[in-house]
PDB file of N, CA and C in Angstrom:
ATOM      1  N   MET A   1       0.827  -1.184   0.229  1.00  0.00           N
ATOM      2  CA  MET A   1      -0.368  -0.038  -0.015  1.00  0.00           C
ATOM      3  C   MET A   1       0.571   0.776   0.342  1.00  0.00           C
ATOM      4  N   SER A   2       0.104   2.250  -0.639  1.00  0.00           N
ATOM      5  CA  SER A   2       1.250   3.905  -0.401  1.00  0.00           C
ATOM      6  C   SER A   2       1.289   3.993   1.153  1.00  0.00           C
ATOM      7  N   ASP A   3       2.353   5.075   1.158  1.00  0.00           N
ATOM      8  CA  ASP A   3       2.456   5.511   2.712  1.00  0.00           C
ATOM      9  C   ASP A   3       1.493   6.808   2.576  1.00  0.00           C
ATOM     10  N   SER A   4       0.589   8.047   3.816  1.00  0.00           N
ATOM     11  CA  SER A   4      -0.232   8.663   3.848  1.00  0.00           C
ATOM     12  C   SER A   4       0.982   9.793   3.367  1.00  0.00           C
ATOM     13  N   LEU A   5       2.424   9.353   2.887  1.00  0.00           N
ATOM     14  CA  LEU A   5       2.613  11.223   2.477  1.00  0.00           C
ATOM     15  C   LEU A   5       2.969  11.275   1.320  1.00  0.00           C
ATOM     16  N   ASP A   6       2.157   9.987   0.701  1.00  0.00           N
ATOM     17  CA  ASP A   6       2.544   9.964  -0.598  1.00  0.00           C
ATOM     18  C   ASP A   6       1.896  11.701  -1.722  1.00  0.00           C
ATOM     19  N   LEU A   7       2.334  12.187  -2.712  1.00  0.00           N
ATOM     20  CA  LEU A   7       1.659  12.745  -3.056  1.00  0.00           C
ATOM     21  C   LEU A   7       0.732  11.986  -4.089  1.00  0.00           C
ATOM     22  N   THR A   8      -0.788  12.240  -4.240  1.00  0.00           N
ATOM     23  CA  THR A   8      -1.757  12.101  -5.891  1.00  0.00           C
ATOM     24  C   THR A   8      -0.587  12.364  -6.752  1.00  0.00           C
ATOM     25  N   GLN A   9      -1.733  12.526  -7.955  1.00  0.00           N
ATOM     26  CA  GLN A   9      -0.521  12.654  -9.480  1.00  0.00           C
ATOM     27  C   GLN A   9      -1.315  14.348  -8.976  1.00  0.00           C
ATOM     28  N   ASP A  10      -2.698  14.288  -8.853  1.00  0.00           N
ATOM     29  CA  ASP A  10      -3.349  15.656  -8.714  1.00  0.00           C
ATOM     30  C   ASP A  10      -2.538  16.650  -8.262  1.00  0.00           C
ATOM     31  N   GLN A  11      -2.044  16.338  -6.732  1.00  0.00           N
ATOM     32  CA  GLN A  11      -1.484  17.252  -6.069  1.00  0.00           C
ATOM     33  C   GLN A  11       0.153  17.504  -6.490  1.00  0.00           C
ATOM     34  N   LYS A  12       0.564  17.081  -7.162  1.00  0.00           N
ATOM     35  CA  LYS A  12       2.127  16.783  -8.206  1.00  0.00           C
ATOM     36  C   LYS A  12       1.986  17.665  -9.149  1.00  0.00           C
ATOM     37  N   LEU A  13       0.813  17.532  -9.572  1.00  0.00           N
ATOM     38  CA  LEU A  13       0.938  18.748 -11.161  1.00  0.00           C
ATOM     39  C   LEU A  13      -0.057  19.975 -11.242  1.00  0.00           C
ATOM     40  N   ARG A  14      -0.016  20.035  -9.797  1.00  0.00           N
ATOM     41  CA  ARG A  14      -0.221  21.257  -8.722  1.00  0.00           C
ATOM     42  C   ARG A  14       0.861  21.875  -8.757  1.00  0.00           C
ATOM     43  N   ALA A  15       1.771  20.763  -7.861  1.00  0.00           N
ATOM     44  CA  ALA A  15       3.312  21.421  -7.146  1.00  0.00           C
ATOM     45  C   ALA A  15       4.311  21.815  -8.410  1.00  0.00           C
ATOM     46  N   ASP A  16       4.350  21.502  -9.505  1.00  0.00           N
ATOM     47  CA  ASP A  16       5.046  21.257 -10.625  1.00  0.00           C
ATOM     48  C   ASP A  16       4.643  23.170 -10.908  1.00  0.00           C
ATOM     49  N   ARG A  17       3.289  23.525 -11.515  1.00  0.00           N
ATOM     50  CA  ARG A  17       2.716  24.911 -11.954  1.00  0.00           C
ATOM     51  C   ARG A  17       3.069  26.058 -10.919  1.00  0.00           C
ATOM     52  N   PRO A  18       3.319  26.878 -11.482  1.00  0.00           N
ATOM     53  CA  PRO A  18       3.616  27.816 -10.380  1.00  0.00           C
ATOM     54  C   PRO A  18       3.460  28.723  -9.626  1.00  0.00           C
ATOM     55  N   HIS A  19       3.090  28.770  -9.008  1.00  0.00           N
ATOM     56  CA  HIS A  19       1.733  29.554  -8.127  1.00  0.00           C
ATOM     57  C   HIS A  19       1.192  31.132  -8.959  1.00  0.00           C
ATOM     58  N   ARG A  20       0.075  31.289  -8.561  1.00  0.00           N
ATOM     59  CA  ARG A  20      -0.137  31.972  -9.388  1.00  0.00           C
ATOM     60  C   ARG A  20      -0.637  33.131  -8.546  1.00  0.00           C
ATOM     61  N   ALA A  21       0.389  34.223  -7.830  1.00  0.00           N
ATOM     62  CA  ALA A  21      -0.256  35.306  -6.294  1.00  0.00           C
ATOM     63  C   ALA A  21      -1.787  35.435  -6.619  1.00  0.00           C
ATOM     64  N   SER A  22      -2.990  35.562  -5.392  1.00  0.00           N
ATOM     65  CA  SER A  22      -3.886  35.886  -4.946  1.00  0.00           C
ATOM     66  C   SER A  22      -3.963  37.776  -5.265  1.00  0.00           C
ATOM     67  N   ALA A  23      -4.627  38.179  -5.366  1.00  0.00           N
ATOM     68  CA  ALA A  23      -5.406  39.749  -5.143  1.00  0.00           C
ATOM     69  C   ALA A  23      -4.686  40.368  -3.773  1.00  0.00           C
ATOM     70  N   ARG A  24      -4.921  39.545  -3.064  1.00  0.00           N
ATOM     71  CA  ARG A  24      -4.903  39.819  -1.197  1.00  0.00           C
ATOM     72  C   ARG A  24      -2.962  40.090  -1.082  1.00  0.00           C
ATOM     73  N   SER A  25      -2.449  38.730  -2.049  1.00  0.00           N
ATOM     74  CA  SER A  25      -0.837  38.775  -1.379  1.00  0.00           C
ATOM     75  C   SER A  25      -0.164  39.883  -2.323  1.00  0.00           C
ATOM     76  N   VAL A  26      -0.594  40.573  -2.928  1.00  0.00           N
ATOM     77  CA  VAL A  26       0.261  41.172  -4.470  1.00  0.00           C
ATOM     78  C   VAL A  26       0.639  42.359  -3.267  1.00  0.00           C
ATOM     79  N   GLU A  27       1.662  42.427  -3.196  1.00  0.00           N
ATOM     80  CA  GLU A  27       2.378  44.048  -2.827  1.00  0.00           C
ATOM     81  C   GLU A  27       2.499  45.154  -3.138  1.00  0.00           C
ATOM     82  N   PHE A  28       1.981  46.436  -3.271  1.00  0.00           N
ATOM     83  CA  PHE A  28       1.720  47.196  -3.970  1.00  0.00           C
ATOM     84  C   PHE A  28       2.420  48.252  -3.421  1.00  0.00           C
ATOM     85  N   ARG A  29       3.505  49.084  -4.407  1.00  0.00           N
ATOM     86  CA  ARG A  29       4.734  49.473  -3.888  1.00  0.00           C
ATOM     87  C   ARG A  29       3.724  51.121  -4.589  1.00  0.00           C
ATOM     88  N   PRO A  30       4.337  52.885  -4.045  1.00  0.00           N
ATOM     89  CA  PRO A  30       3.794  53.438  -5.160  1.00  0.00           C
ATOM     90  C   PRO A  30       4.936  53.795  -6.180  1.00  0.00           C
ATOM     91  N   ILE A  31       4.220  54.556  -7.145  1.00  0.00           N
ATOM     92  CA  ILE A  31       5.163  55.255  -8.377  1.00  0.00           C
ATOM     93  C   ILE A  31       5.830  56.327  -7.667  1.00  0.00           C
ATOM     94  N   GLU A  32       7.160  56.939  -7.457  1.00  0.00           N
ATOM     95  CA  GLU A  32       6.987  58.181  -7.640  1.00  0.00           C
ATOM     96  C   GLU A  32       8.855  58.489  -8.220  1.00  0.00           C
ATOM     97  N   VAL A  33       7.669  60.224  -8.326  1.00  0.00           N
ATOM     98  CA  VAL A  33       8.692  60.503  -9.804  1.00  0.00           C
ATOM     99  C   VAL A  33       8.897  61.835  -8.828  1.00  0.00           C
ATOM    100  N   ALA A  34      10.572  61.799  -9.174  1.00  0.00           N
ATOM    101  CA  ALA A  34      11.149  63.326  -8.062  1.00  0.00           C
ATOM    102  C   ALA A  34      10.657  64.412  -9.896  1.00  0.00           C
ATOM    103  N   VAL A  35      10.918  65.842  -9.283  1.00  0.00           N
ATOM    104  CA  VAL A  35      10.506  67.039  -9.816  1.00  0.00           C
ATOM    105  C   VAL A  35      11.569  67.339  -9.697  1.00  0.00           C
ATOM    106  N   GLN A  36      12.395  67.721 -10.507  1.00  0.00           N
ATOM    107  CA  GLN A  36      13.868  67.988 -10.626  1.00  0.00           C
ATOM    108  C   GLN A  36      13.758  69.562 -11.422  1.00  0.00           C
ATOM    109  N   ASP A  37      14.683  70.325 -10.948  1.00  0.00           N
ATOM    110  CA  ASP A  37      14.611  71.691 -11.059  1.00  0.00           C
ATOM    111  C   ASP A  37      13.360  73.167 -11.365  1.00  0.00           C
ATOM    112  N   GLY A  38      12.156  72.416 -11.136  1.00  0.00           N
ATOM    113  CA  GLY A  38      10.539  72.945 -11.195  1.00  0.00           C
ATOM    114  C   GLY A  38       9.898  72.599 -12.301  1.00  0.00           C
ATOM    115  N   ASN A  39      10.377  71.713 -12.969  1.00  0.00           N
ATOM    116  CA  ASN A  39       9.889  71.029 -14.466  1.00  0.00           C
ATOM    117  C   ASN A  39       9.101  70.393 -13.951  1.00  0.00           C
ATOM    118  N   VAL A  40       7.655  69.996 -13.773  1.00  0.00           N
ATOM    119  CA  VAL A  40       6.229  69.404 -13.662  1.00  0.00           C
ATOM    120  C   VAL A  40       5.829  68.553 -14.965  1.00  0.00           C
ATOM    121  N   ASN A  41       6.204  69.184 -15.815  1.00  0.00           N
ATOM    122  CA  ASN A  41       5.771  68.613 -17.574  1.00  0.00           C
ATOM    123  C   ASN A  41       6.509  67.432 -16.973  1.00  0.00           C
ATOM    124  N   ARG A  42       8.222  67.806 -17.205  1.00  0.00           N
ATOM    125  CA  ARG A  42       9.097  66.181 -17.404  1.00  0.00           C
ATOM    126  C   ARG A  42       8.615  65.825 -16.505  1.00  0.00           C
ATOM    127  N   ALA A  43       8.196  65.907 -14.919  1.00  0.00           N
ATOM    128  CA  ALA A  43       8.067  65.020 -13.841  1.00  0.00           C
ATOM    129  C   ALA A  43       6.714  63.602 -14.667  1.00  0.00           C
ATOM    130  N   MET A  44       5.718  64.612 -14.566  1.00  0.00           N
ATOM    131  CA  MET A  44       3.942  63.909 -15.843  1.00  0.00           C
ATOM    132  C   MET A  44       5.221  63.136 -16.741  1.00  0.00           C
ATOM    133  N   SER A  45       5.187  63.745 -17.276  1.00  0.00           N
ATOM    134  CA  SER A  45       5.774  62.400 -18.720  1.00  0.00           C
ATOM    135  C   SER A  45       6.329  61.213 -17.840  1.00  0.00           C
ATOM    136  N   MET A  46       7.342  61.763 -17.303  1.00  0.00           N
ATOM    137  CA  MET A  46       8.059  60.328 -16.172  1.00  0.00           C
ATOM    138  C   MET A  46       7.116  59.661 -15.612  1.00  0.00           C
ATOM    139  N   LEU A  47       6.120  60.373 -15.417  1.00  0.00           N
ATOM    140  CA  LEU A  47       5.234  59.466 -13.963  1.00  0.00           C
ATOM    141  C   LEU A  47       4.221  58.505 -15.349  1.00  0.00           C
ATOM    142  N   LYS A  48       3.768  59.071 -16.457  1.00  0.00           N
ATOM    143  CA  LYS A  48       3.039  58.916 -17.457  1.00  0.00           C
ATOM    144  C   LYS A  48       4.262  57.526 -18.031  1.00  0.00           C
ATOM    145  N   ARG A  49       5.265  57.528 -18.164  1.00  0.00           N
ATOM    146  CA  ARG A  49       5.906  56.124 -18.874  1.00  0.00           C
ATOM    147  C   ARG A  49       6.416  55.225 -17.939  1.00  0.00           C
ATOM    148  N   LYS A  50       6.115  55.171 -16.732  1.00  0.00           N
ATOM    149  CA  LYS A  50       6.536  54.708 -15.519  1.00  0.00           C
ATOM    150  C   LYS A  50       5.013  53.460 -15.378  1.00  0.00           C
ATOM    151  N   MET A  51       3.917  54.540 -15.039  1.00  0.00           N
ATOM    152  CA  MET A  51       2.696  53.666 -15.232  1.00  0.00           C
ATOM    153  C   MET A  51       2.628  52.548 -16.512  1.00  0.00           C
ATOM    154  N   ALA A  52       2.510  53.348 -17.752  1.00  0.00           N
ATOM    155  CA  ALA A  52       2.541  51.998 -18.552  1.00  0.00           C
ATOM    156  C   ALA A  52       3.250  50.746 -19.125  1.00  0.00           C
ATOM    157  N   SER A  53       4.826  51.529 -18.629  1.00  0.00           N
ATOM    158  CA  SER A  53       5.880  50.379 -18.237  1.00  0.00           C
ATOM    159  C   SER A  53       5.656  49.492 -17.046  1.00  0.00           C
ATOM    160  N   GLU A  54       4.384  49.953 -16.416  1.00  0.00           N
ATOM    161  CA  GLU A  54       3.807  49.049 -14.971  1.00  0.00           C
ATOM    162  C   GLU A  54       2.551  47.842 -15.595  1.00  0.00           C
ATOM    163  N   GLY A  55       2.148  48.677 -16.677  1.00  0.00           N
ATOM    164  CA  GLY A  55       0.600  47.737 -17.097  1.00  0.00           C
ATOM    165  C   GLY A  55      -0.395  49.025 -16.489  1.00  0.00           C
ATOM    166  N   ILE A  56      -0.201  49.445 -15.659  1.00  0.00           N
ATOM    167  CA  ILE A  56      -1.510  50.643 -15.141  1.00  0.00           C
ATOM    168  C   ILE A  56      -2.806  50.772 -15.871  1.00  0.00           C
ATOM    169  N   TYR A  57      -2.083  51.029 -16.913  1.00  0.00           N
ATOM    170  CA  TYR A  57      -3.280  51.613 -18.062  1.00  0.00           C
ATOM    171  C   TYR A  57      -4.167  50.392 -18.545  1.00  0.00           C
ATOM    172  N   LYS A  58      -3.360  49.301 -18.864  1.00  0.00           N
ATOM    173  CA  LYS A  58      -3.915  48.058 -19.524  1.00  0.00           C
ATOM    174  C   LYS A  58      -4.685  47.243 -18.160  1.00  0.00           C
ATOM    175  N   GLU A  59      -4.543  47.868 -16.602  1.00  0.00           N
ATOM    176  CA  GLU A  59      -5.317  47.102 -15.899  1.00  0.00           C
ATOM    177  C   GLU A  59      -6.967  48.153 -15.982  1.00  0.00           C
ATOM    178  N   LEU A  60      -6.426  49.422 -15.294  1.00  0.00           N
ATOM    179  CA  LEU A  60      -7.422  50.231 -15.671  1.00  0.00           C
ATOM    180  C   LEU A  60      -8.362  49.560 -17.298  1.00  0.00           C
ATOM    181  N   ARG A  61      -8.083  49.839 -18.439  1.00  0.00           N
ATOM    182  CA  ARG A  61      -9.063  49.489 -19.437  1.00  0.00           C
ATOM    183  C   ARG A  61      -9.933  47.838 -18.813  1.00  0.00           C
ATOM    184  N   LYS A  62      -8.574  47.237 -18.681  1.00  0.00           N
ATOM    185  CA  LYS A  62      -9.265  45.869 -18.237  1.00  0.00           C
ATOM    186  C   LYS A  62     -10.581  45.651 -17.063  1.00  0.00           C
ATOM    187  N   ARG A  63     -10.002  45.918 -16.191  1.00  0.00           N
ATOM    188  CA  ARG A  63     -11.290  46.530 -14.745  1.00  0.00           C
ATOM    189  C   ARG A  63     -12.388  47.554 -15.268  1.00  0.00           C
ATOM    190  N   ARG A  64     -12.115  48.282 -16.680  1.00  0.00           N
ATOM    191  CA  ARG A  64     -13.315  49.305 -16.587  1.00  0.00           C
ATOM    192  C   ARG A  64     -14.606  48.507 -16.222  1.00  0.00           C
ATOM    193  N   PHE A  65     -14.750  47.143 -17.012  1.00  0.00           N
ATOM    194  CA  PHE A  65     -16.288  46.779 -17.212  1.00  0.00           C
ATOM    195  C   PHE A  65     -15.783  45.184 -16.702  1.00  0.00           C
ATOM    196  N   PHE A  66     -16.920  44.189 -16.087  1.00  0.00           N
ATOM    197  CA  PHE A  66     -16.560  43.435 -15.723  1.00  0.00           C
ATOM    198  C   PHE A  66     -16.625  41.834 -16.994  1.00  0.00           C
ATOM    199  N   GLU A  67     -15.550  41.570 -16.384  1.00  0.00           N
ATOM    200  CA  GLU A  67     -15.413  40.237 -18.171  1.00  0.00           C
ATOM    201  C   GLU A  67     -15.259  39.037 -17.471  1.00  0.00           C
ATOM    202  N   LYS A  68     -16.812  38.113 -18.321  1.00  0.00           N
ATOM    203  CA  LYS A  68     -17.095  36.939 -17.960  1.00  0.00           C
ATOM    204  C   LYS A  68     -15.731  35.975 -17.853  1.00  0.00           C
ATOM    205  N   PRO A  69     -16.142  34.755 -16.877  1.00  0.00           N
ATOM    206  CA  PRO A  69     -14.621  34.268 -17.510  1.00  0.00           C
ATOM    207  C   PRO A  69     -14.485  33.506 -19.081  1.00  0.00           C
ATOM    208  N   SER A  70     -15.393  32.932 -19.632  1.00  0.00           N
ATOM    209  CA  SER A  70     -15.289  32.560 -20.725  1.00  0.00           C
ATOM    210  C   SER A  70     -14.756  33.595 -21.815  1.00  0.00           C
ATOM    211  N   GLU A  71     -14.982  35.350 -21.435  1.00  0.00           N
ATOM    212  CA  GLU A  71     -14.853  36.133 -22.263  1.00  0.00           C
ATOM    213  C   GLU A  71     -12.862  36.234 -21.751  1.00  0.00           C
ATOM    214  N   GLU A  72     -12.624  35.777 -20.742  1.00  0.00           N
ATOM    215  CA  GLU A  72     -11.559  36.492 -20.457  1.00  0.00           C
ATOM    216  C   GLU A  72     -10.470  34.740 -20.864  1.00  0.00           C
ATOM    217  N   LYS A  73     -11.178  33.891 -21.018  1.00  0.00           N
ATOM    218  CA  LYS A  73     -10.052  32.429 -21.884  1.00  0.00           C
ATOM    219  C   LYS A  73     -10.395  32.986 -23.324  1.00  0.00           C
ATOM    220  N   LYS A  74     -10.762  33.392 -23.746  1.00  0.00           N
ATOM    221  CA  LYS A  74     -10.511  33.777 -25.257  1.00  0.00           C
ATOM    222  C   LYS A  74      -9.825  35.067 -25.346  1.00  0.00           C
ATOM    223  N   ARG A  75      -9.695  35.768 -24.629  1.00  0.00           N
ATOM    224  CA  ARG A  75      -9.376  37.046 -24.488  1.00  0.00           C
ATOM    225  C   ARG A  75      -7.566  36.548 -24.631  1.00  0.00           C
ATOM    226  N   ARG A  76      -7.491  35.981 -23.320  1.00  0.00           N
ATOM    227  CA  ARG A  76      -5.558  35.314 -22.898  1.00  0.00           C
ATOM    228  C   ARG A  76      -5.474  34.509 -24.064  1.00  0.00           C
ATOM    229  N   GLY A  77      -6.562  33.459 -24.844  1.00  0.00           N
ATOM    230  CA  GLY A  77      -6.392  32.735 -25.611  1.00  0.00           C
ATOM    231  C   GLY A  77      -5.010  33.583 -27.158  1.00  0.00           C
ATOM    232  N   ARG A  78      -6.423  34.729 -27.454  1.00  0.00           N
ATOM    233  CA  ARG A  78      -6.494  35.689 -28.489  1.00  0.00           C
ATOM    234  C   ARG A  78      -4.623  36.209 -28.363  1.00  0.00           C
ATOM    235  N   GLU A  79      -4.472  36.272 -27.151  1.00  0.00           N
ATOM    236  CA  GLU A  79      -3.381  37.746 -26.903  1.00  0.00           C
ATOM    237  C   GLU A  79      -2.000  36.396 -26.809  1.00  0.00           C
ATOM    238  N   ALA A  80      -2.055  35.443 -26.418  1.00  0.00           N
ATOM    239  CA  ALA A  80      -1.083  33.892 -26.740  1.00  0.00           C
ATOM    240  C   ALA A  80      -0.937  34.192 -28.045  1.00  0.00           C
ATOM    241  N   GLU A  81      -1.504  33.680 -28.971  1.00  0.00           N
ATOM    242  CA  GLU A  81      -1.690  33.701 -30.180  1.00  0.00           C
ATOM    243  C   GLU A  81      -0.979  34.321 -31.128  1.00  0.00           C
ATOM    244  N   ARG A  82      -1.296  36.256 -31.270  1.00  0.00           N
ATOM    245  CA  ARG A  82      -0.976  37.144 -31.095  1.00  0.00           C
ATOM    246  C   ARG A  82       1.151  36.939 -30.875  1.00  0.00           C
ATOM    247  N   ARG A  83       1.358  37.015 -29.708  1.00  0.00           N
ATOM    248  CA  ARG A  83       2.673  36.714 -28.946  1.00  0.00           C
ATOM    249  C   ARG A  83       3.242  35.443 -29.799  1.00  0.00           C
ATOM    250  N   ARG A  84       2.278  34.103 -30.522  1.00  0.00           N
ATOM    251  CA  ARG A  84       3.582  33.045 -30.743  1.00  0.00           C
ATOM    252  C   ARG A  84       3.792  33.780 -32.678  1.00  0.00           C
ATOM    253  N   LYS A  85       2.978  34.548 -32.742  1.00  0.00           N
ATOM    254  CA  LYS A  85       2.813  35.303 -34.696  1.00  0.00           C
ATOM    255  C   LYS A  85       4.143  36.454 -34.501  1.00  0.00           C
ATOM    256  N   LYS A  86       3.875  36.598 -33.051  1.00  0.00           N
ATOM    257  CA  LYS A  86       4.904  37.560 -33.141  1.00  0.00           C
ATOM    258  C   LYS A  86       6.835  37.040 -33.267  1.00  0.00           C
ATOM    259  N   ALA A  87       6.733  36.264 -32.234  1.00  0.00           N
ATOM    260  CA  ALA A  87       7.964  35.251 -32.140  1.00  0.00           C
ATOM    261  C   ALA A  87       8.685  35.105 -33.621  1.00  0.00           C
ATOM    262  N   VAL A  88       7.247  33.994 -34.121  1.00  0.00           N
ATOM    263  CA  VAL A  88       8.085  33.343 -35.297  1.00  0.00           C
ATOM    264  C   VAL A  88       8.144  34.540 -36.499  1.00  0.00           C
ATOM    265  N   ARG A  89       7.812  35.966 -36.227  1.00  0.00           N
ATOM    266  CA  ARG A  89       8.014  36.473 -36.795  1.00  0.00           C
ATOM    267  C   ARG A  89       9.504  37.313 -36.891  1.00  0.00           C
ATOM    268  N   ILE A  90      10.179  37.957 -35.956  1.00  0.00           N
ATOM    269  CA  ILE A  90      10.579  38.159 -35.420  1.00  0.00           C
ATOM    270  C   ILE A  90      12.150  37.037 -35.137  1.00  0.00           C
ATOM    271  N   ALA A  91      11.753  35.609 -35.348  1.00  0.00           N
ATOM    272  CA  ALA A  91      12.121  34.515 -35.628  1.00  0.00           C
ATOM    273  C   ALA A  91      12.769  34.524 -36.962  1.00  0.00           C
ATOM    274  N   ARG A  92      12.038  35.282 -38.159  1.00  0.00           N
ATOM    275  CA  ARG A  92      12.142  34.807 -40.057  1.00  0.00           C
ATOM    276  C   ARG A  92      13.106  36.072 -39.711  1.00  0.00           C
ATOM    277  N   GLU A  93      13.321  37.171 -39.082  1.00  0.00           N
ATOM    278  CA  GLU A  93      13.740  38.118 -39.397  1.00  0.00           C
ATOM    279  C   GLU A  93      14.700  38.491 -39.082  1.00  0.00           C
ATOM    280  N   ARG A  94      15.005  37.439 -38.196  1.00  0.00           N
ATOM    281  CA  ARG A  94      16.928  37.043 -37.305  1.00  0.00           C
ATOM    282  C   ARG A  94      17.497  36.607 -38.717  1.00  0.00           C
ATOM    283  N   GLY A  95      16.625  35.506 -39.178  1.00  0.00           N
ATOM    284  CA  GLY A  95      17.185  34.862 -40.236  1.00  0.00           C
ATOM    285  C   GLY A  95      17.543  32.996 -39.316  1.00  0.00           C
TER     286      GLY A  95
END
């Protein structure tokens, strides 16, 4: 018989997958931009660039309306397909 410490097949599969952080466990840190020489316009553009690179605009757009789980799955599939096609195109260009 198997020992009680043996993992089931399902537990082994879950252990191999990377853990997806829940919304509660995500740690938020403020985005800071220093205003140099009183140049607020430059600081605003730096802040916008940082927000874009962090994906905040994309997240705001995504959370604007509720997305059904089936729609989310389809969207993720489309995004993955677009990334695959881009990778193939870049690989072809590089030779």
